[in-house]
Amino acid sequence: MAQNEQKFTIRICDAKFAQDVILEIGKFCVLWSIFENDKCDNDCNIEKLLSLENSISDIDPDKITRLAISLQGRVDMSLRGEELVGYIVEPEKAKRKMPAEKRTKMGQFLASDGQESLAGCLIAIYRIRNNMFHGLKRLESLNSQIELFRAMNGVLEELIR
């Protein structure tokens, strides 16, 4: 490994990560913890996220749009609407864990480039958080997801300021 590469690469097990990716993932973990404590009484669930939609008014719409577009960039761009939700939740698990009307909120958020359904935005972040800690880990794909983490961090920073 070249000396230059060592400076900007972190090895975890057999995977190599860009230093800024690890920083954004760490920042996401801290921001989520603060958000969950402050906004969800340290016990986040879908119902609490849905109830927050009407109480949050002064969030920068550009931050939400950036997240929606970043999520859309993670899926085949030919997909639209409800199908985009498949990136965030596995269809079979979604049927068991999240009723269709709540999946619809995420679909509305993604299909509208973040202009509709703040609840869908919050549910998407929540699902990504859950997938990181409880779901299938695809370490090799984390380096390509830095913009997604930056976008989620931007929304979370707005929500907890």
Protein backbone atom coordinates (compact mmCIF):
# COMPACT_ATOMS: atom_id res chain seq x y z
CA MET A 1 0.00 0.00 0.00
CA ALA A 2 1.40 3.39 -0.96
CA GLN A 3 2.11 5.87 1.81
CA ASN A 4 -0.38 8.32 0.29
CA GLU A 5 -3.11 5.66 0.40
CA GLN A 6 -2.45 4.93 4.09
CA LYS A 7 -3.08 8.55 4.95
CA PHE A 8 -6.54 8.53 3.44
CA THR A 9 -7.63 4.93 3.97
CA ILE A 10 -8.90 3.14 7.05
CA ARG A 11 -8.83 -0.63 7.13
CA ILE A 12 -11.56 -2.45 9.04
CA CYS A 13 -11.33 -6.21 8.83
CA ASP A 14 -10.65 -6.89 5.16
CA ALA A 15 -12.34 -3.76 3.86
CA LYS A 16 -10.73 -0.40 3.02
CA PHE A 17 -12.67 2.81 3.58
CA ALA A 18 -11.99 6.39 2.66
CA GLN A 19 -11.34 8.42 5.79
CA ASP A 20 -14.16 10.88 5.02
CA VAL A 21 -16.65 8.01 4.65
CA ILE A 22 -15.86 6.79 8.16
CA LEU A 23 -16.15 10.36 9.43
CA GLU A 24 -19.61 10.81 7.87
CA ILE A 25 -20.84 7.44 9.19
CA GLY A 26 -19.58 8.31 12.67
CA LYS A 27 -21.21 11.73 12.45
CA PHE A 28 -24.47 10.07 11.38
CA CYS A 29 -24.37 7.80 14.44
CA VAL A 30 -23.86 10.73 16.81
CA LEU A 31 -26.48 12.93 15.12
CA TRP A 32 -29.02 10.09 15.10
CA SER A 33 -28.43 9.49 18.81
CA ILE A 34 -29.05 13.18 19.59
CA PHE A 35 -32.13 13.28 17.33
CA GLU A 36 -33.61 10.11 18.85
CA ASN A 37 -33.03 11.39 22.37
CA ASP A 38 -34.35 14.91 21.75
CA LYS A 39 -37.24 14.23 19.37
CA CYS A 40 -38.30 10.67 20.21
CA ASP A 41 -37.65 10.42 23.94
CA ASN A 42 -34.81 7.98 23.22
CA ASP A 43 -37.26 5.44 21.76
CA CYS A 44 -37.76 6.06 18.06
CA ASN A 45 -40.47 4.28 16.09
CA ILE A 46 -42.56 4.94 12.99
CA GLU A 47 -45.50 6.39 14.92
CA LYS A 48 -43.27 8.96 16.65
CA LEU A 49 -41.72 9.93 13.33
CA LEU A 50 -45.16 10.41 11.78
CA SER A 51 -46.19 12.63 14.69
CA LEU A 52 -43.16 14.88 14.17
CA GLU A 53 -44.15 15.87 10.64
CA ASN A 54 -46.41 18.74 11.68
CA SER A 55 -44.17 20.03 14.48
CA ILE A 56 -41.12 20.66 12.27
CA SER A 57 -41.49 23.79 10.22
CA ASP A 58 -38.22 25.65 9.71
CA ILE A 59 -36.01 23.02 8.12
CA ASP A 60 -34.05 24.04 5.03
CA PRO A 61 -35.92 22.50 2.07
CA ASP A 62 -32.67 22.22 0.11
CA LYS A 63 -31.34 19.75 2.71
CA ILE A 64 -34.41 17.56 2.34
CA THR A 65 -34.27 17.72 -1.46
CA ARG A 66 -30.57 16.78 -1.36
CA LEU A 67 -31.43 13.69 0.67
CA ALA A 68 -34.26 12.64 -1.67
CA ILE A 69 -32.04 13.06 -4.71
CA SER A 70 -29.19 11.20 -3.02
CA LEU A 71 -31.52 8.29 -2.24
CA GLN A 72 -32.80 8.29 -5.80
CA GLY A 73 -29.20 8.13 -6.98
CA ARG A 74 -28.80 4.85 -5.11
CA VAL A 75 -31.43 3.09 -7.19
CA ASP A 76 -32.02 2.43 -10.87
CA MET A 77 -33.14 5.80 -12.20
CA SER A 78 -35.85 4.13 -14.28
CA LEU A 79 -37.77 3.31 -11.10
CA ARG A 80 -40.29 5.81 -9.83
CA GLY A 81 -42.74 6.22 -6.95
CA GLU A 82 -43.39 3.27 -4.70
CA GLU A 83 -40.66 1.17 -6.32
CA LEU A 84 -37.97 3.50 -4.97
CA VAL A 85 -38.88 2.40 -1.46
CA GLY A 86 -37.41 -1.00 -2.29
CA TYR A 87 -33.95 0.47 -1.76
CA ILE A 88 -34.73 1.31 1.83
CA VAL A 89 -36.74 -1.71 2.92
CA GLU A 90 -36.90 -5.25 1.67
CA PRO A 91 -40.42 -5.82 0.32
CA GLU A 92 -41.16 -8.94 2.39
CA LYS A 93 -39.90 -7.41 5.63
CA ALA A 94 -41.69 -4.16 4.83
CA LYS A 95 -45.03 -5.95 4.66
CA ARG A 96 -44.45 -7.40 8.14
CA LYS A 97 -42.87 -4.39 9.83
CA MET A 98 -44.32 -1.38 8.07
CA PRO A 99 -47.88 -1.05 6.77
CA ALA A 100 -48.38 0.10 3.19
CA GLU A 101 -49.52 3.61 4.15
CA LYS A 102 -46.20 4.26 5.87
CA ARG A 103 -44.22 2.87 2.93
CA THR A 104 -46.32 5.22 0.80
CA LYS A 105 -44.99 8.20 2.79
CA MET A 106 -41.44 7.23 1.77
CA GLY A 107 -42.56 6.80 -1.82
CA GLN A 108 -44.13 10.27 -1.81
CA PHE A 109 -40.96 11.76 -0.35
CA LEU A 110 -38.72 10.15 -2.95
CA ALA A 111 -41.00 10.71 -5.94
CA SER A 112 -41.40 14.41 -5.10
CA ASP A 113 -37.65 15.09 -4.71
CA GLY A 114 -38.34 15.78 -1.03
CA GLN A 115 -41.06 18.37 -1.62
CA GLU A 116 -43.71 16.19 0.01
CA SER A 117 -43.86 14.14 3.19
CA LEU A 118 -41.32 15.13 5.83
CA ALA A 119 -42.53 11.99 7.60
CA GLY A 120 -41.34 10.00 4.59
CA CYS A 121 -37.92 11.67 4.92
CA LEU A 122 -37.71 10.75 8.61
CA ILE A 123 -38.86 7.18 7.96
CA ALA A 124 -36.22 6.80 5.22
CA ILE A 125 -33.45 7.95 7.58
CA TYR A 126 -34.83 5.65 10.29
CA ARG A 127 -34.86 2.65 7.94
CA ILE A 128 -31.29 3.32 6.81
CA ARG A 129 -30.23 3.59 10.46
CA ASN A 130 -31.97 0.28 11.21
CA ASN A 131 -30.45 -1.38 8.17
CA MET A 132 -26.98 -0.25 9.26
CA PHE A 133 -27.32 -1.75 12.73
CA HIS A 134 -29.66 -4.68 12.16
CA GLY A 135 -29.62 -5.44 8.45
CA LEU A 136 -27.37 -7.05 5.92
CA LYS A 137 -24.03 -5.23 5.77
CA ARG A 138 -22.48 -4.60 2.37
CA LEU A 139 -19.16 -3.12 3.40
CA GLU A 140 -17.91 -2.82 -0.16
CA SER A 141 -20.68 -0.35 -0.99
CA LEU A 142 -20.11 2.12 1.87
CA ASN A 143 -17.43 4.15 0.07
CA SER A 144 -19.93 4.94 -2.69
CA GLN A 145 -22.53 6.16 -0.20
CA ILE A 146 -20.75 9.21 1.20
CA GLU A 147 -23.22 11.66 -0.40
CA LEU A 148 -26.12 9.77 1.16
CA PHE A 149 -24.54 10.09 4.62
CA ARG A 150 -23.73 13.75 4.05
CA ALA A 151 -27.32 14.41 3.01
CA MET A 152 -28.77 12.54 6.01
CA ASN A 153 -26.37 14.39 8.31
CA GLY A 154 -27.50 17.72 6.85
CA VAL A 155 -31.15 16.91 7.60
CA LEU A 156 -30.38 15.64 11.10
CA GLU A 157 -28.32 18.74 11.89
CA GLU A 158 -31.29 20.89 10.86
CA LEU A 159 -33.67 18.86 13.01
CA ILE A 160 -31.61 19.09 16.20
CA ARG A 161 -30.38 22.68 16.00
